[in-house]
Protein backbone atom coordinates (compact mmCIF):
# COMPACT_ATOMS: atom_id res chain seq x y z
CA MET A 1 74.04 -90.76 54.15
CA LYS A 2 75.12 -89.67 50.72
CA TYR A 3 73.77 -86.10 50.88
CA LEU A 4 76.06 -84.86 53.65
CA PHE A 5 78.80 -82.30 53.15
CA HIS A 6 82.46 -83.13 53.72
CA ASN A 7 83.71 -82.90 57.29
CA LYS A 8 86.26 -80.17 56.48
CA TRP A 9 83.46 -77.57 56.10
CA LYS A 10 82.01 -78.11 59.59
CA GLY A 11 84.35 -75.78 61.51
CA LEU A 12 84.29 -72.82 59.12
CA SER A 13 80.54 -73.00 58.52
CA GLY A 14 79.92 -73.26 62.27
CA TRP A 15 81.92 -70.13 63.01
CA ILE A 16 80.15 -68.20 60.26
CA PHE A 17 76.72 -69.47 61.33
CA TYR A 18 77.08 -68.76 65.04
CA LEU A 19 78.69 -65.34 64.51
CA SER A 20 76.21 -64.14 61.88
CA ILE A 21 73.14 -64.83 64.05
CA PRO A 22 73.90 -62.16 66.71
CA ILE A 23 74.91 -59.72 63.97
CA GLY A 24 71.59 -60.29 62.22
CA MET A 25 69.63 -59.93 65.45
CA TYR A 26 71.42 -56.68 66.29
CA LEU A 27 70.74 -55.22 62.86
CA LEU A 28 67.10 -56.35 62.99
CA PHE A 29 66.42 -54.85 66.42
CA THR A 30 68.19 -51.57 65.64
CA ASP A 31 66.53 -51.21 62.21
CA SER A 32 69.97 -50.73 60.66
CA PHE A 33 69.26 -52.90 57.62
CA GLU A 34 67.86 -50.08 55.53
CA ASP A 35 70.81 -47.77 56.10
CA LEU A 36 73.57 -50.18 55.10
CA MET A 37 74.43 -51.19 51.51
CA ARG A 38 71.67 -49.30 49.70
CA ILE A 39 71.76 -50.36 46.05
CA LYS A 40 69.38 -50.63 43.12
CA VAL A 41 67.87 -54.11 42.89
CA PHE A 42 65.27 -55.73 40.67
CA SER A 43 62.03 -56.35 42.56
CA LEU A 44 59.30 -58.80 41.61
CA PHE A 45 56.88 -57.07 44.00
CA SER A 46 57.15 -53.56 45.39
CA TYR A 47 54.85 -50.86 46.67
CA GLU A 48 54.47 -47.14 46.35
CA LYS A 49 52.86 -46.22 49.66
CA ILE A 50 51.68 -47.92 52.85
CA ILE A 51 48.72 -46.51 54.78
CA THR A 52 48.47 -47.76 58.35
CA THR A 53 45.32 -47.41 60.39
CA PRO A 54 44.69 -48.76 63.91
CA GLN A 55 42.78 -51.70 62.41
CA THR A 56 44.71 -52.55 59.26
CA GLU A 57 47.66 -51.88 57.01
CA ASN A 58 46.96 -51.23 53.34
CA ILE A 59 49.39 -51.16 50.47
CA LEU A 60 48.45 -48.70 47.75
CA GLY A 61 50.00 -48.56 44.33
CA SER A 62 51.47 -52.07 44.38
CA ILE A 63 53.52 -52.66 41.26
CA GLY A 64 56.09 -55.20 40.32
CA PHE A 65 58.92 -56.03 37.96
CA ARG A 66 60.89 -52.85 38.40
CA TRP A 67 64.16 -51.54 39.80
CA ILE A 68 64.04 -50.11 43.32
CA GLU A 69 66.60 -48.84 45.81
CA ASN A 70 66.89 -51.13 48.81
CA GLY A 71 69.18 -51.92 51.72
CA PHE A 72 70.69 -55.19 50.50
CA LEU A 73 72.48 -56.27 53.70
CA ASP A 74 69.49 -58.20 55.07
CA GLU A 75 69.34 -60.36 51.92
CA ILE A 76 73.06 -61.08 52.10
CA LEU A 77 72.93 -61.86 55.82
CA THR A 78 69.90 -64.13 55.36
CA PHE A 79 71.78 -66.00 52.62
CA VAL A 80 74.88 -66.36 54.81
CA ILE A 81 72.93 -67.59 57.85
CA ILE A 82 70.88 -70.13 55.88
CA VAL A 83 73.73 -71.52 53.77
CA SER A 84 76.23 -71.71 56.64
CA GLY A 85 73.55 -73.20 58.91
CA ILE A 86 72.67 -75.91 56.39
CA ILE A 87 76.31 -76.75 55.73
CA HIS A 88 77.10 -76.85 59.46
CA SER A 89 74.02 -78.94 60.18
CA PHE A 90 74.65 -81.51 57.50
CA CYS A 91 78.41 -82.02 57.54
CA LYS A 92 79.63 -85.53 58.14
CA GLU A 93 81.12 -86.35 61.49
CA LYS A 94 84.61 -87.86 61.59
CA VAL A 95 82.97 -91.23 62.21
CA GLU A 96 79.61 -91.24 60.45
CA ASP A 97 77.73 -94.43 61.29
CA GLU A 98 74.11 -95.49 61.68
CA LEU A 99 73.88 -94.23 65.25
CA ILE A 100 75.03 -90.74 64.24
CA SER A 101 72.49 -90.78 61.38
CA LYS A 102 69.75 -91.73 63.84
CA ILE A 103 70.80 -88.97 66.27
CA ARG A 104 70.79 -86.53 63.34
CA MET A 105 67.31 -87.58 62.22
CA ASP A 106 65.87 -87.56 65.75
CA SER A 107 67.32 -84.09 66.33
CA LEU A 108 65.81 -82.80 63.11
CA VAL A 109 62.39 -84.20 64.00
CA MET A 110 62.59 -82.72 67.51
CA SER A 111 63.60 -79.30 66.16
CA LEU A 112 60.68 -79.35 63.72
CA TYR A 113 58.21 -80.28 66.47
CA ILE A 114 59.48 -77.54 68.78
CA ASN A 115 59.63 -74.93 66.03
CA TYR A 116 56.14 -75.57 64.70
CA GLY A 117 54.75 -75.85 68.24
CA VAL A 118 56.11 -72.39 69.02
CA LEU A 119 54.78 -71.11 65.68
CA LEU A 120 51.29 -72.46 66.43
CA PHE A 121 51.38 -70.76 69.83
CA PHE A 122 52.36 -67.40 68.33
CA ASN A 123 49.79 -67.87 65.57
CA PHE A 124 47.03 -67.35 68.15
CA PHE A 125 48.68 -64.64 70.26
CA VAL A 126 50.69 -62.38 67.90
CA TYR A 127 49.04 -60.37 65.13
CA GLU A 128 49.62 -57.88 62.31
CA LEU A 129 53.16 -56.68 61.63
CA SER A 130 54.54 -58.31 64.78
CA TYR A 131 53.63 -61.67 63.25
CA PHE A 132 56.02 -60.85 60.41
CA TYR A 133 58.88 -60.83 62.93
CA VAL A 134 57.70 -64.19 64.24
CA MET A 135 57.89 -65.56 60.70
CA VAL A 136 61.37 -64.10 60.19
CA PHE A 137 62.59 -65.85 63.34
CA HIS A 138 60.79 -69.01 62.22
CA ILE A 139 63.02 -69.16 59.15
CA PHE A 140 66.14 -69.44 61.27
CA THR A 141 65.00 -71.25 64.40
CA ILE A 142 64.72 -74.63 62.68
CA LEU A 143 68.44 -74.50 61.88
CA ILE A 144 69.38 -73.09 65.27
CA LEU A 145 67.32 -75.63 67.21
CA PHE A 146 68.55 -78.51 65.07
CA ASN A 147 72.18 -77.53 65.58
CA LEU A 148 71.76 -77.10 69.33
CA ILE A 149 69.86 -80.37 69.81
CA PHE A 150 72.16 -82.36 67.51
CA ARG A 151 75.39 -81.04 69.05
CA TYR A 152 74.02 -81.63 72.56
CA ARG A 153 73.03 -85.21 71.76
CA LEU A 154 76.37 -85.82 70.05
CA SER A 155 78.23 -84.58 73.12
CA ILE A 156 76.21 -86.95 75.30
CA HIS A 157 76.95 -89.79 72.87
CA TYR A 158 80.69 -89.08 72.80
CA LYS A 159 80.89 -88.81 76.61
CA SER A 160 79.26 -92.22 77.11
């Protein structure tokens, strides 16, 4: 495949990817994102006030195209996880042949099936703001599942 990254990036990107995931999960579950790295950023969409009732959540005073103060660590961490995950997922192996390409493609298809199957399940059983967290995890689980399935299948291939 001509769209794969060079093999030398696989180790570094793997370390960054697998170490940044638990850091991101810790910061997400402890709500520490807003406290760290607060800076002024340009926002395409922002809001003035959120009113939450037992039935709904309404955003009042929605305005856009302005500077706001925001905790910027979640954006940086999202960037790091996605970029390092993509580089780690699509680095060439030392011997990149047709069988490795087929294992890579089959692993990607399997990770998409699993990920969207889980998403469809949660679509019917998780609602409101909790569904937002499902969508946040959905962003990263395709990469995580692909890496786990691909590395597992490669290890089976190399052992045989």
